[in-house]
């Protein structure tokens, strides 16, 4: 499925092709294309004269990003849909991305780029359209890890490629809070190596960026440079500015930057807590390598620092939407994946009770500190809001019994609720 891919670095639609190539293991020969370089030979191959465009090794010519992505995916049914129904669902989401999401995203984001003039009426309408569309996606993703099936497909690639610029520049923390399932899904995708290879490290914006700000900065820069060139005493101010700037860099800026880098990491906040005597990793080793009932559980209660750690019970809020048990298990796996950086500070036992089309998730967590650990950072709080949380009393016999049962995966609750399977975060 290799060939020449004609595009330019600013083409948003081309991103989905690059990501698809990453998942399909296909190497593309990229031909940088500018509209002014369009020639008769290019138009003969691609009559529309637009990019992205693709010339396959066998002479096939394609000019639509989705058609190119589908061609690059080849016979990879995971990407295109394992069954006729799945393939139709993939196409459904591609159409949704192009017809519902892309125009509204462009209307909101392009003025921020400075690509089109800002029109308040149009942007407000786009925001309203996106609120409806993102809400629908959020509902769909409540019980799914991916849009179609259990792995990344062209549906995920296309929809995510459209939404990434929105989340980078416009959809601030308040907007994202309305769509926790969608945010969790997009966070999962942008941290996969195939997306990282194309988009780099995506940073969701904290606040909505102002329309035209970037364009204004670019437009103002040449004016400032021209003024400096025209000013007869331009060199003197430059020398005066250099000295304090250099002094600041040498004496203050670099150390402060390093401190800020560390303090801005969410994990840094745990260093501010009083030192704990409980060796969480030591307990995890005992739980993994020794008998749970006779060794690990006694070890846990003997060494637990009741001031430095807290224990929590959680139950999934929407059991009526859980279908197949393997899909529920994937939901838990996605939760674990998104809190990877908490492994040094948390231990969790998540259990599925019931059968297909009638199951529920409950769990017990041991976490650093006395507050709800997942609320300490947005990246950790993607899945947690979908659960009801209750802090357990470590001195209460019933609560201690509950913890023991969730460590053992056996006991009264596990018999009454028909234990199906469990997953351990350690």
Protein backbone atom coordinates (compact mmCIF):
# COMPACT_ATOMS: atom_id res chain seq x y z
CA UNK A 1 0.00 0.00 0.00
CA UNK A 2 3.03 2.27 -0.33
CA UNK A 3 3.17 5.26 -2.66
CA UNK A 4 3.66 9.00 -2.96
CA UNK A 5 1.59 11.15 -0.63
CA UNK A 6 1.20 14.76 -1.77
CA UNK A 7 0.35 17.20 1.02
CA UNK A 8 1.56 20.19 2.99
CA UNK A 9 2.37 20.42 6.68
CA UNK A 10 -0.71 22.51 7.49
CA UNK A 11 -3.28 20.13 6.01
CA UNK A 12 -5.49 18.87 8.84
CA UNK A 13 -7.08 16.12 6.75
CA UNK A 14 -3.67 14.65 5.96
CA UNK A 15 -3.11 13.85 9.65
CA UNK A 16 -5.55 10.92 9.56
CA UNK A 17 -3.60 9.38 6.67
CA UNK A 18 -0.30 9.65 8.54
CA UNK A 19 -1.81 8.08 11.69
CA UNK A 20 -3.39 5.27 9.65
CA UNK A 21 -0.01 4.55 8.07
CA UNK A 22 1.50 4.28 11.55
CA UNK A 23 -1.06 1.67 12.64
CA UNK A 24 -0.85 -0.21 9.33
CA UNK A 25 2.95 -0.23 9.30
CA UNK A 26 3.07 1.50 5.90
CA UNK A 27 5.85 3.90 4.90
CA UNK A 28 4.69 6.86 2.84
CA UNK A 29 6.88 8.83 0.47
CA UNK A 30 5.79 12.34 1.33
CA UNK A 31 5.92 14.94 -1.45
CA UNK A 32 5.65 18.48 -0.09
CA UNK A 33 3.08 20.35 -2.17
CA UNK A 34 2.30 24.03 -2.52
CA UNK A 35 -0.62 25.30 -4.57
CA UNK A 36 1.61 27.63 -6.58
CA UNK A 37 3.76 24.67 -7.66
CA UNK A 38 0.77 22.90 -9.25
CA UNK A 39 1.64 21.91 -12.82
CA UNK A 40 0.10 20.17 -15.79
CA UNK A 41 1.56 16.81 -14.79
CA UNK A 42 -0.02 16.99 -11.31
CA UNK A 43 -3.39 18.09 -12.71
CA UNK A 44 -3.29 15.25 -15.23
CA UNK A 45 -3.04 12.80 -12.32
CA UNK A 46 -5.37 14.70 -9.98
CA UNK A 47 -7.86 16.82 -11.96
CA UNK A 48 -9.06 18.72 -8.87
CA UNK A 49 -5.52 19.95 -8.32
CA UNK A 50 -5.88 19.65 -4.53
CA UNK A 51 -4.12 17.90 -1.70
CA UNK A 52 -3.99 15.53 0.00
CA UNK A 53 -3.47 13.29 -3.00
CA UNK A 54 -1.94 9.84 -3.36
CA UNK A 55 -0.15 8.01 -6.14
CA UNK A 56 0.20 4.28 -5.43
CA UNK A 57 3.03 2.16 -6.73
CA UNK A 58 0.64 0.47 -9.17
CA UNK A 59 -0.40 3.81 -10.67
CA UNK A 60 -3.64 4.24 -8.70
CA UNK A 61 -4.49 7.91 -8.08
CA UNK A 62 -6.63 9.00 -5.11
CA UNK A 63 -7.51 12.55 -4.05
CA UNK A 64 -9.69 12.19 -0.91
CA UNK A 65 -8.12 11.87 2.56
CA UNK A 66 -10.56 9.17 3.69
CA UNK A 67 -10.14 7.18 0.50
CA UNK A 68 -6.37 7.41 0.89
CA UNK A 69 -6.54 6.32 4.54
CA UNK A 70 -8.75 3.37 3.57
CA UNK A 71 -6.28 2.38 0.82
CA UNK A 72 -3.31 2.67 3.20
CA UNK A 73 -5.13 0.49 5.77
CA UNK A 74 -5.25 -2.28 3.16
CA UNK A 75 -6.55 -5.58 4.45
CA UNK A 76 -6.14 -4.59 8.09
CA UNK A 77 -9.66 -5.47 9.25
CA UNK A 78 -8.99 -4.09 12.73
CA UNK A 79 -8.74 -0.65 11.14
CA UNK A 80 -11.50 -1.03 8.57
CA UNK A 81 -13.99 -3.21 10.48
CA UNK A 82 -13.94 -6.93 11.24
CA UNK A 83 -17.47 -7.55 9.90
CA UNK A 84 -19.89 -5.93 7.47
CA UNK A 85 -21.67 -4.27 10.40
CA UNK A 86 -18.39 -3.04 11.92
CA UNK A 87 -17.23 -1.68 8.54
CA UNK A 88 -20.52 0.20 8.21
CA UNK A 89 -20.11 1.60 11.73
CA UNK A 90 -16.59 2.76 10.91
CA UNK A 91 -17.89 4.55 7.82
CA UNK A 92 -20.68 6.03 9.92
CA UNK A 93 -18.22 7.73 12.28
CA UNK A 94 -16.03 8.92 9.38
CA UNK A 95 -19.07 10.60 7.87
CA UNK A 96 -19.99 12.06 11.26
CA UNK A 97 -16.46 13.47 11.63
CA UNK A 98 -16.53 15.08 8.18
CA UNK A 99 -20.10 16.35 8.13
CA UNK A 100 -20.84 17.25 11.76
CA UNK A 101 -17.54 17.79 13.53
CA UNK A 102 -15.04 19.15 10.98
CA UNK A 103 -17.02 22.22 9.77
CA UNK A 104 -17.82 23.31 13.33
CA UNK A 105 -14.27 22.72 14.56
CA UNK A 106 -12.87 24.77 11.66
CA UNK A 107 -15.32 27.61 12.32
CA UNK A 108 -14.20 27.80 15.96
CA UNK A 109 -10.48 27.06 15.62
CA UNK A 110 -9.47 28.68 12.31
CA UNK A 111 -9.99 32.24 13.63
CA UNK A 112 -7.57 31.36 16.44
CA UNK A 113 -5.04 30.30 13.80
CA UNK A 114 -5.73 33.56 11.97
CA UNK A 115 -6.73 31.52 8.92
CA UNK A 116 -10.20 33.13 8.62
CA UNK A 117 -11.77 36.29 10.11
CA UNK A 118 -13.53 35.96 13.45
CA UNK A 119 -17.33 35.99 13.22
CA UNK A 120 -19.02 35.83 16.62
CA UNK A 121 -22.36 34.63 15.27
CA UNK A 122 -20.72 31.80 13.32
CA UNK A 123 -18.47 30.77 16.22
CA UNK A 124 -21.37 30.74 18.69
CA UNK A 125 -23.36 28.55 16.29
CA UNK A 126 -20.38 26.23 15.91
CA UNK A 127 -20.07 25.95 19.70
CA UNK A 128 -23.74 25.02 19.97
CA UNK A 129 -23.40 22.39 17.23
CA UNK A 130 -20.32 20.92 18.91
CA UNK A 131 -22.00 20.81 22.31
CA UNK A 132 -24.64 18.55 20.78
CA UNK A 133 -22.16 16.42 18.78
CA UNK A 134 -19.64 16.02 21.61
CA UNK A 135 -22.47 15.15 23.98
CA UNK A 136 -23.54 12.36 21.64
CA UNK A 137 -19.98 11.02 21.47
CA UNK A 138 -19.70 11.22 25.26
CA UNK A 139 -22.82 9.07 25.62
CA UNK A 140 -21.59 6.55 23.04
CA UNK A 141 -18.20 6.24 24.78
CA UNK A 142 -19.63 5.77 28.27
CA UNK A 143 -19.24 1.99 27.99
CA UNK A 144 -16.70 1.78 25.18
CA UNK A 145 -12.93 2.04 25.03
CA UNK A 146 -13.02 2.70 21.28
CA UNK A 147 -15.77 3.76 18.88
CA UNK A 148 -16.06 0.45 16.99
CA UNK A 149 -14.88 -2.88 18.39
CA UNK A 150 -12.16 -3.33 20.96
CA UNK A 151 -9.23 -1.79 19.10
CA UNK A 152 -8.38 1.42 17.29
CA UNK A 153 -10.11 1.71 13.91
CA UNK A 154 -10.35 4.32 11.17
CA UNK A 155 -13.36 5.64 13.10
CA UNK A 156 -11.18 6.56 16.10
CA UNK A 157 -8.38 7.89 13.91
CA UNK A 158 -10.66 10.15 11.88
CA UNK A 159 -12.73 11.55 14.75
CA UNK A 160 -9.66 12.08 16.98
CA UNK A 161 -7.70 13.81 14.20
CA UNK A 162 -10.56 16.29 13.82
CA UNK A 163 -10.94 16.92 17.56
CA UNK A 164 -7.28 17.29 18.54
CA UNK A 165 -6.98 20.91 17.28
CA UNK A 166 -10.20 21.74 19.14
CA UNK A 167 -8.89 20.36 22.43
CA UNK A 168 -5.49 21.99 21.90
CA UNK A 169 -6.79 25.51 21.28
CA UNK A 170 -10.46 25.99 22.16
CA UNK A 171 -12.09 23.31 24.33
CA UNK A 172 -10.86 24.42 27.74
CA UNK A 173 -11.08 22.59 31.06
CA UNK A 174 -14.67 23.72 31.65
CA UNK A 175 -15.77 22.40 28.25
CA UNK A 176 -13.93 19.10 28.72
CA UNK A 177 -15.54 18.61 32.12
CA UNK A 178 -18.90 18.27 30.36
CA UNK A 179 -17.61 15.30 28.34
CA UNK A 180 -15.54 13.04 30.65
CA UNK A 181 -15.95 9.87 28.57
CA UNK A 182 -14.94 11.65 25.38
CA UNK A 183 -11.95 13.24 27.10
CA UNK A 184 -10.89 9.86 28.49
CA UNK A 185 -11.11 8.31 25.01
CA UNK A 186 -9.11 11.09 23.35
CA UNK A 187 -6.50 11.01 26.13
CA UNK A 188 -6.04 7.28 25.51
CA UNK A 189 -5.48 7.82 21.78
CA UNK A 190 -3.09 10.78 21.90
CA UNK A 191 -0.80 8.81 24.21
CA UNK A 192 -0.47 5.88 21.84
CA UNK A 193 2.80 5.82 19.91
CA UNK A 194 1.09 6.02 16.52
CA UNK A 195 -0.58 9.33 17.39
CA UNK A 196 2.54 10.63 19.13
CA UNK A 197 4.55 9.97 15.95
CA UNK A 198 2.23 12.28 13.98
CA UNK A 199 0.90 14.88 16.44
CA UNK A 200 3.72 14.89 18.97
CA UNK A 201 2.82 15.45 22.62
CA UNK A 202 -0.66 16.96 22.58
CA UNK A 203 -1.39 19.45 25.36
CA UNK A 204 -5.04 20.23 26.05
CA UNK A 205 -5.58 23.95 26.52
CA UNK A 206 -6.36 25.24 30.00
CA UNK A 207 -8.28 28.24 28.66
CA UNK A 208 -9.91 29.06 25.33
CA UNK A 209 -7.39 30.86 23.14
CA UNK A 210 -8.44 34.19 21.71
CA UNK A 211 -9.31 34.49 18.05
CA UNK A 212 -6.71 36.29 15.97
CA UNK A 213 -4.11 36.43 18.74
CA UNK A 214 -1.58 34.32 16.85
CA UNK A 215 -2.14 36.18 13.60
CA UNK A 216 -1.77 39.54 15.34
CA UNK A 217 1.53 38.47 16.89
CA UNK A 218 2.88 37.42 13.52
CA UNK A 219 1.63 40.61 11.85
CA UNK A 220 3.12 42.90 14.49
CA UNK A 221 6.60 41.38 14.46
CA UNK A 222 7.75 42.77 11.08
CA UNK A 223 6.51 46.25 12.07
CA UNK A 224 8.62 46.20 15.21
CA UNK A 225 11.66 45.03 13.27
CA UNK A 226 11.18 47.79 10.70
CA UNK A 227 10.99 50.42 13.45
CA UNK A 228 14.23 49.15 14.96
CA UNK A 229 15.97 49.26 11.61
CA UNK A 230 14.78 52.84 10.98
CA UNK A 231 15.74 54.15 14.43
CA UNK A 232 19.23 55.79 14.41
CA UNK A 233 19.90 54.87 18.06
CA UNK A 234 18.62 51.31 17.74
CA UNK A 235 21.89 49.66 18.85
CA UNK A 236 22.09 51.40 22.22
CA UNK A 237 18.78 50.09 23.57
CA UNK A 238 19.77 46.62 22.42
CA UNK A 239 22.97 46.74 24.46
CA UNK A 240 21.13 48.04 27.51
CA UNK A 241 18.59 45.27 27.29
CA UNK A 242 21.17 42.54 26.80
CA UNK A 243 22.92 43.05 30.13
CA UNK A 244 19.98 42.59 32.47
CA UNK A 245 18.64 39.76 30.30
CA UNK A 246 21.94 37.92 30.56
CA UNK A 247 22.12 38.52 34.28
CA UNK A 248 18.60 37.16 34.75
CA UNK A 249 19.38 34.05 32.73
CA UNK A 250 22.60 33.31 34.61
CA UNK A 251 21.51 34.11 38.13
CA UNK A 252 17.78 33.41 38.36
CA UNK A 253 15.92 32.04 35.33
CA UNK A 254 17.59 28.65 34.89
CA UNK A 255 17.27 27.46 38.52
CA UNK A 256 13.67 28.71 38.69
CA UNK A 257 12.81 26.92 35.45
CA UNK A 258 14.11 23.63 36.79
CA UNK A 259 12.13 24.02 40.01
CA UNK A 260 9.02 24.94 38.10
CA UNK A 261 9.39 21.89 35.87
CA UNK A 262 9.37 19.61 38.90
CA UNK A 263 6.63 21.46 40.78
CA UNK A 264 4.36 21.45 37.72
CA UNK A 265 4.34 17.66 37.58
CA UNK A 266 1.19 16.29 39.27
CA UNK A 267 3.27 13.71 41.13
CA UNK A 268 5.21 16.51 42.84
CA UNK A 269 2.34 17.13 45.26
CA UNK A 270 2.96 13.77 46.95
CA UNK A 271 6.40 14.97 48.05
CA UNK A 272 4.65 17.68 50.10
CA UNK A 273 2.84 15.09 52.25
CA UNK A 274 4.39 13.95 55.55
CA UNK A 275 6.73 11.02 55.03
CA UNK A 276 4.96 7.67 55.41
CA UNK A 277 6.28 4.52 57.08
CA UNK A 278 4.18 2.29 54.80
CA UNK A 279 6.15 0.66 51.97
CA UNK A 280 3.48 0.31 49.30
CA UNK A 281 5.86 -1.43 46.90
CA UNK A 282 6.76 -3.89 49.66
CA UNK A 283 3.10 -4.78 50.08
CA UNK A 284 2.68 -5.17 46.32
CA UNK A 285 5.61 -7.59 46.22
CA UNK A 286 4.06 -9.59 49.04
CA UNK A 287 0.68 -9.62 47.29
CA UNK A 288 2.26 -10.78 44.02
CA UNK A 289 4.64 -13.41 45.37
CA UNK A 290 3.18 -14.75 48.63
CA UNK A 291 -0.06 -16.34 49.76
CA UNK A 292 -2.71 -13.62 49.97
CA UNK A 293 -4.59 -14.92 53.03
CA UNK A 294 -1.66 -15.95 55.23
CA UNK A 295 1.04 -13.48 54.16
CA UNK A 296 -0.08 -10.47 52.10
CA UNK A 297 -3.17 -9.47 54.09
CA UNK A 298 -1.45 -9.71 57.52
CA UNK A 299 1.48 -7.76 56.03
CA UNK A 300 -0.93 -5.05 54.83
CA UNK A 301 -2.71 -4.48 58.15
CA UNK A 302 0.49 -4.70 60.19
CA UNK A 303 2.34 -2.05 58.18
CA UNK A 304 -0.46 0.22 56.92
CA UNK A 305 0.08 3.89 57.76
CA UNK A 306 -3.45 4.97 58.61
CA UNK A 307 -2.54 8.67 58.50
CA UNK A 308 -0.52 8.57 55.30
CA UNK A 309 -2.91 6.37 53.29
CA UNK A 310 -6.66 6.03 52.88
CA UNK A 311 -8.89 3.22 51.58
CA UNK A 312 -11.83 3.76 49.23
CA UNK A 313 -14.74 1.71 47.90
CA UNK A 314 -16.02 2.46 44.38
CA UNK A 315 -19.08 1.33 42.39
CA UNK A 316 -19.78 2.10 38.75
CA UNK A 317 -22.63 4.61 38.35
CA UNK A 318 -24.11 3.24 35.14
CA UNK A 319 -24.40 -0.58 35.42
CA UNK A 320 -27.42 -0.60 33.10
CA UNK A 321 -25.11 0.41 30.24
CA UNK A 322 -22.58 -2.37 30.78
CA UNK A 323 -23.04 -5.14 28.23
CA UNK A 324 -20.57 -7.96 27.57
CA UNK A 325 -18.18 -8.77 30.42
CA UNK A 326 -15.13 -8.55 28.17
CA UNK A 327 -16.17 -5.01 27.25
CA UNK A 328 -16.50 -4.16 30.94
CA UNK A 329 -13.01 -5.57 31.49
CA UNK A 330 -11.71 -3.33 28.70
CA UNK A 331 -13.29 -0.36 30.44
CA UNK A 332 -11.28 -1.15 33.58
CA UNK A 333 -8.09 -1.65 31.54
CA UNK A 334 -8.56 1.78 29.99
CA UNK A 335 -8.97 3.26 33.48
CA UNK A 336 -5.69 1.65 34.57
CA UNK A 337 -3.88 2.84 31.46
CA UNK A 338 -4.83 6.45 32.06
CA UNK A 339 -3.55 6.50 35.65
CA UNK A 340 -0.24 4.80 34.90
CA UNK A 341 1.70 7.50 36.77
CA UNK A 342 -0.14 6.65 40.00
CA UNK A 343 1.39 3.18 40.38
CA UNK A 344 3.81 4.44 43.04
CA UNK A 345 0.96 5.93 45.04
CA UNK A 346 -2.00 3.57 44.67
CA UNK A 347 -3.14 -0.04 44.70
CA UNK A 348 -6.54 -1.11 43.43
CA UNK A 349 -8.65 -4.25 43.15
CA UNK A 350 -11.42 -3.84 40.57
CA UNK A 351 -13.98 -6.62 40.23
CA UNK A 352 -16.72 -7.48 37.76
CA UNK A 353 -19.83 -9.12 39.19
CA UNK A 354 -22.58 -10.78 37.16
CA UNK A 355 -22.83 -12.01 33.59
CA UNK A 356 -23.12 -10.65 30.06
CA UNK A 357 -25.76 -7.93 29.79
CA UNK A 358 -26.16 -7.85 33.57
CA UNK A 359 -22.92 -6.89 35.29
CA UNK A 360 -21.44 -4.25 37.57
CA UNK A 361 -18.00 -2.97 38.59
CA UNK A 362 -16.96 -2.51 42.21
CA UNK A 363 -13.53 -2.03 43.69
CA UNK A 364 -11.35 -1.17 46.65
CA UNK A 365 -8.40 1.23 46.41
CA UNK A 366 -5.52 2.03 48.76
CA UNK A 367 -4.17 5.50 47.95
CA UNK A 368 -1.60 7.97 49.25
CA UNK A 369 -3.04 10.78 51.36
CA UNK A 370 -6.49 11.29 52.84
CA UNK A 371 -8.11 13.02 49.86
CA UNK A 372 -9.59 11.44 46.75
CA UNK A 373 -6.39 10.82 44.79
CA UNK A 374 -7.85 10.98 41.29
CA UNK A 375 -9.08 14.56 41.75
CA UNK A 376 -5.51 15.76 42.22
CA UNK A 377 -4.94 16.08 38.44
CA UNK A 378 -7.21 16.29 35.39
CA UNK A 379 -5.33 13.48 33.63
CA UNK A 380 -6.07 11.13 36.55
CA UNK A 381 -9.69 12.15 36.89
CA UNK A 382 -10.98 10.98 33.51
CA UNK A 383 -12.66 7.75 34.67
CA UNK A 384 -13.14 8.32 38.40
CA UNK A 385 -16.23 10.58 38.01
CA UNK A 386 -18.09 7.59 36.54
CA UNK A 387 -17.90 5.87 39.94
CA UNK A 388 -19.45 6.51 43.33
CA UNK A 389 -16.71 6.70 45.98
CA UNK A 390 -16.90 6.02 49.71
CA UNK A 391 -14.00 6.40 52.13
CA UNK A 392 -13.68 3.32 54.34
CA UNK A 393 -12.98 3.33 58.08
CA UNK A 394 -9.83 1.28 58.68
CA UNK A 395 -10.90 0.75 62.30
CA UNK A 396 -14.32 -0.64 61.37
CA UNK A 397 -14.51 -4.44 61.34
CA UNK A 398 -17.01 -4.57 58.45
CA UNK A 399 -14.88 -2.29 56.30
CA UNK A 400 -11.75 -4.30 57.07
CA UNK A 401 -13.58 -7.47 56.08
CA UNK A 402 -14.56 -5.84 52.80
CA UNK A 403 -10.92 -4.96 52.06
CA UNK A 404 -9.84 -8.53 52.81
CA UNK A 405 -12.47 -9.93 50.44
CA UNK A 406 -11.40 -7.64 47.60
CA UNK A 407 -7.80 -8.69 48.12
CA UNK A 408 -8.80 -12.37 48.11
CA UNK A 409 -11.55 -12.15 45.46
CA UNK A 410 -13.67 -14.38 47.67
CA UNK A 411 -16.07 -14.02 50.57
CA UNK A 412 -19.73 -13.27 51.26
CA UNK A 413 -20.10 -10.40 48.78
CA UNK A 414 -18.36 -12.37 46.06
CA UNK A 415 -20.78 -15.27 46.50
CA UNK A 416 -23.89 -13.12 46.70
CA UNK A 417 -23.04 -11.00 43.66
CA UNK A 418 -21.64 -13.81 41.46
CA UNK A 419 -17.99 -12.78 40.96
CA UNK A 420 -16.96 -12.91 37.29
CA UNK A 421 -13.39 -11.63 37.06
CA UNK A 422 -11.06 -9.03 38.51
CA UNK A 423 -8.11 -6.78 37.69
CA UNK A 424 -5.39 -5.50 39.99
CA UNK A 425 -3.73 -2.09 39.70
CA UNK A 426 -0.29 -2.44 41.25
